[in-house]
Structures are given as C-alpha cells and as structure tokens.
Amino acid sequence: MGQQEARGKARKLTGRIKEAAGIVTGNSALEREGARQRAAGATEETLGRARRRVAEVVDRVAKAIKA
C-alpha cells in the first residue's frame, strides 16, 4: 500500500468518526465536515490504489520486454 492510499484510508476513517460524532451530538456542521472528509479520503484512497496498480502493470511490461 502506497502513502497516498494510506493517507486516504486515514482521512476516510477520521471523516467517519467526525460524521458519527455529528450525528450523535446533533451537530450538523460536524456531520457535513465528516462526510466531506470521508468522501475526500475515499477519492484519495482510490487514486492511490490506481497509481499502485498502474505501476505494477508498467513493471510487468518492463520485465516482459527485457525477457
């Protein structure tokens, strides 16, 4: 797992916690902030995963060309 993917997971988890805290306390601003942070984290995680997969494919192609 790359750094971007890990940061995304952490941000997504933090967002979930904030969103839940907002729901429990009735703080709609905290709930919205958590939802935005969770969505941003999910996007960052997905981008990190895509970058990692592209790098894996490039490595496989490079190895196939060398062989």
N, C-alpha and C. Protein backbone atom coordinates (compact mmCIF):
# COMPACT_ATOMS: atom_id res chain seq x y z
N MET A 1 0.85 -1.16 0.00
CA MET A 1 0.00 0.00 0.00
C MET A 1 0.90 1.23 0.00
N GLY A 2 0.60 2.15 -0.90
CA GLY A 2 1.38 3.37 -1.01
C GLY A 2 0.95 4.41 0.01
N GLN A 3 1.74 5.48 0.07
CA GLN A 3 1.46 6.55 1.03
C GLN A 3 0.13 7.22 0.75
N GLN A 4 -0.16 7.49 -0.50
CA GLN A 4 -1.41 8.17 -0.85
C GLN A 4 -2.61 7.31 -0.45
N GLU A 5 -2.50 6.03 -0.69
CA GLU A 5 -3.58 5.12 -0.34
C GLU A 5 -3.78 5.08 1.19
N ALA A 6 -2.69 5.05 1.94
CA ALA A 6 -2.76 5.03 3.40
C ALA A 6 -3.34 6.35 3.94
N ARG A 7 -2.91 7.48 3.36
CA ARG A 7 -3.45 8.78 3.78
C ARG A 7 -4.95 8.83 3.53
N GLY A 8 -5.37 8.29 2.40
CA GLY A 8 -6.79 8.27 2.07
C GLY A 8 -7.60 7.45 3.07
N LYS A 9 -7.07 6.29 3.43
CA LYS A 9 -7.75 5.45 4.43
C LYS A 9 -7.86 6.18 5.75
N ALA A 10 -6.78 6.84 6.17
CA ALA A 10 -6.79 7.57 7.44
C ALA A 10 -7.79 8.72 7.40
N ARG A 11 -7.81 9.46 6.30
CA ARG A 11 -8.73 10.58 6.17
C ARG A 11 -10.18 10.09 6.15
N LYS A 12 -10.40 8.97 5.47
CA LYS A 12 -11.75 8.41 5.39
C LYS A 12 -12.22 7.98 6.79
N LEU A 13 -11.36 7.36 7.56
CA LEU A 13 -11.70 6.93 8.91
C LEU A 13 -11.99 8.13 9.81
N THR A 14 -11.14 9.16 9.73
CA THR A 14 -11.35 10.37 10.52
C THR A 14 -12.69 11.01 10.15
N GLY A 15 -13.00 11.03 8.87
CA GLY A 15 -14.27 11.58 8.42
C GLY A 15 -15.45 10.81 8.96
N ARG A 16 -15.34 9.49 8.98
CA ARG A 16 -16.41 8.66 9.52
C ARG A 16 -16.66 8.96 11.00
N ILE A 17 -15.55 9.11 11.73
CA ILE A 17 -15.66 9.41 13.16
C ILE A 17 -16.34 10.76 13.38
N LYS A 18 -15.90 11.77 12.63
CA LYS A 18 -16.50 13.09 12.75
C LYS A 18 -17.98 13.07 12.36
N GLU A 19 -18.28 12.37 11.30
CA GLU A 19 -19.66 12.29 10.84
C GLU A 19 -20.54 11.63 11.91
N ALA A 20 -20.05 10.53 12.48
CA ALA A 20 -20.81 9.84 13.53
C ALA A 20 -20.97 10.74 14.76
N ALA A 21 -19.90 11.45 15.12
CA ALA A 21 -19.97 12.35 16.27
C ALA A 21 -21.00 13.45 16.01
N GLY A 22 -21.04 13.94 14.80
CA GLY A 22 -22.02 14.96 14.45
C GLY A 22 -23.44 14.45 14.54
N ILE A 23 -23.65 13.21 14.11
CA ILE A 23 -24.98 12.62 14.18
C ILE A 23 -25.40 12.44 15.64
N VAL A 24 -24.49 11.89 16.44
CA VAL A 24 -24.80 11.62 17.85
C VAL A 24 -25.08 12.92 18.62
N THR A 25 -24.28 13.94 18.37
CA THR A 25 -24.43 15.20 19.12
C THR A 25 -25.44 16.15 18.50
N GLY A 26 -25.90 15.84 17.30
CA GLY A 26 -26.85 16.72 16.63
C GLY A 26 -26.18 17.93 16.00
N ASN A 27 -24.86 17.87 15.83
CA ASN A 27 -24.08 18.96 15.24
C ASN A 27 -24.01 18.73 13.73
N SER A 28 -24.88 19.39 13.00
CA SER A 28 -24.95 19.15 11.55
C SER A 28 -23.70 19.65 10.82
N ALA A 29 -23.06 20.70 11.34
CA ALA A 29 -21.84 21.20 10.70
C ALA A 29 -20.73 20.15 10.80
N LEU A 30 -20.58 19.53 11.96
CA LEU A 30 -19.56 18.48 12.13
C LEU A 30 -19.90 17.27 11.28
N GLU A 31 -21.17 16.95 11.18
CA GLU A 31 -21.61 15.83 10.35
C GLU A 31 -21.25 16.07 8.88
N ARG A 32 -21.53 17.30 8.39
CA ARG A 32 -21.21 17.63 7.00
C ARG A 32 -19.70 17.62 6.77
N GLU A 33 -18.94 18.17 7.72
CA GLU A 33 -17.48 18.18 7.60
C GLU A 33 -16.94 16.76 7.53
N GLY A 34 -17.48 15.89 8.38
CA GLY A 34 -17.05 14.49 8.37
C GLY A 34 -17.39 13.80 7.06
N ALA A 35 -18.57 14.09 6.53
CA ALA A 35 -18.98 13.47 5.26
C ALA A 35 -18.06 13.92 4.13
N ARG A 36 -17.73 15.23 4.11
CA ARG A 36 -16.81 15.73 3.07
C ARG A 36 -15.43 15.09 3.22
N GLN A 37 -14.96 14.99 4.46
CA GLN A 37 -13.63 14.42 4.70
C GLN A 37 -13.62 12.93 4.32
N ARG A 38 -14.70 12.23 4.62
CA ARG A 38 -14.79 10.81 4.27
C ARG A 38 -14.77 10.64 2.75
N ALA A 39 -15.49 11.49 2.04
CA ALA A 39 -15.51 11.42 0.58
C ALA A 39 -14.14 11.74 -0.02
N ALA A 40 -13.48 12.76 0.53
CA ALA A 40 -12.14 13.12 0.04
C ALA A 40 -11.16 11.98 0.30
N GLY A 41 -11.28 11.35 1.45
CA GLY A 41 -10.41 10.22 1.78
C GLY A 41 -10.63 9.04 0.85
N ALA A 42 -11.89 8.77 0.54
CA ALA A 42 -12.20 7.68 -0.38
C ALA A 42 -11.62 7.95 -1.76
N THR A 43 -11.71 9.20 -2.21
CA THR A 43 -11.14 9.57 -3.50
C THR A 43 -9.62 9.41 -3.50
N GLU A 44 -8.99 9.91 -2.44
CA GLU A 44 -7.53 9.80 -2.34
C GLU A 44 -7.08 8.34 -2.28
N GLU A 45 -7.83 7.53 -1.55
CA GLU A 45 -7.50 6.10 -1.46
C GLU A 45 -7.63 5.43 -2.83
N THR A 46 -8.69 5.75 -3.55
CA THR A 46 -8.90 5.17 -4.88
C THR A 46 -7.80 5.59 -5.84
N LEU A 47 -7.41 6.86 -5.81
CA LEU A 47 -6.32 7.33 -6.66
C LEU A 47 -5.01 6.63 -6.33
N GLY A 48 -4.75 6.47 -5.04
CA GLY A 48 -3.53 5.78 -4.62
C GLY A 48 -3.52 4.33 -5.10
N ARG A 49 -4.67 3.67 -4.98
CA ARG A 49 -4.77 2.28 -5.43
C ARG A 49 -4.57 2.20 -6.94
N ALA A 50 -5.13 3.14 -7.69
CA ALA A 50 -4.98 3.15 -9.14
C ALA A 50 -3.52 3.38 -9.53
N ARG A 51 -2.86 4.32 -8.86
CA ARG A 51 -1.45 4.58 -9.14
C ARG A 51 -0.61 3.33 -8.89
N ARG A 52 -0.91 2.63 -7.79
CA ARG A 52 -0.15 1.42 -7.46
C ARG A 52 -0.37 0.35 -8.53
N ARG A 53 -1.60 0.19 -8.97
CA ARG A 53 -1.89 -0.83 -9.98
C ARG A 53 -1.25 -0.50 -11.32
N VAL A 54 -1.25 0.77 -11.70
CA VAL A 54 -0.60 1.17 -12.94
C VAL A 54 0.90 0.88 -12.85
N ALA A 55 1.50 1.19 -11.71
CA ALA A 55 2.94 0.92 -11.53
C ALA A 55 3.23 -0.57 -11.64
N GLU A 56 2.34 -1.40 -11.10
CA GLU A 56 2.53 -2.85 -11.19
C GLU A 56 2.47 -3.31 -12.64
N VAL A 57 1.54 -2.77 -13.41
CA VAL A 57 1.42 -3.15 -14.82
C VAL A 57 2.65 -2.70 -15.60
N VAL A 58 3.11 -1.49 -15.33
CA VAL A 58 4.31 -0.98 -16.01
C VAL A 58 5.51 -1.86 -15.69
N ASP A 59 5.64 -2.28 -14.43
CA ASP A 59 6.75 -3.17 -14.05
C ASP A 59 6.67 -4.50 -14.80
N ARG A 60 5.45 -5.05 -14.89
CA ARG A 60 5.30 -6.32 -15.60
C ARG A 60 5.65 -6.18 -17.08
N VAL A 61 5.23 -5.09 -17.68
CA VAL A 61 5.52 -4.86 -19.10
C VAL A 61 7.03 -4.70 -19.29
N ALA A 62 7.67 -3.95 -18.39
CA ALA A 62 9.12 -3.75 -18.49
C ALA A 62 9.86 -5.07 -18.37
N LYS A 63 9.42 -5.92 -17.44
CA LYS A 63 10.06 -7.23 -17.28
C LYS A 63 9.85 -8.11 -18.51
N ALA A 64 8.65 -8.02 -19.10
CA ALA A 64 8.36 -8.82 -20.29
C ALA A 64 9.21 -8.35 -21.47
N ILE A 65 9.45 -7.05 -21.57
CA ILE A 65 10.27 -6.52 -22.67
C ILE A 65 11.71 -6.96 -22.51
N LYS A 66 12.21 -6.96 -21.28
CA LYS A 66 13.60 -7.36 -21.02
C LYS A 66 13.83 -8.84 -21.28
N ALA A 67 12.80 -9.65 -21.12
CA ALA A 67 12.95 -11.10 -21.27
C ALA A 67 13.03 -11.54 -22.68
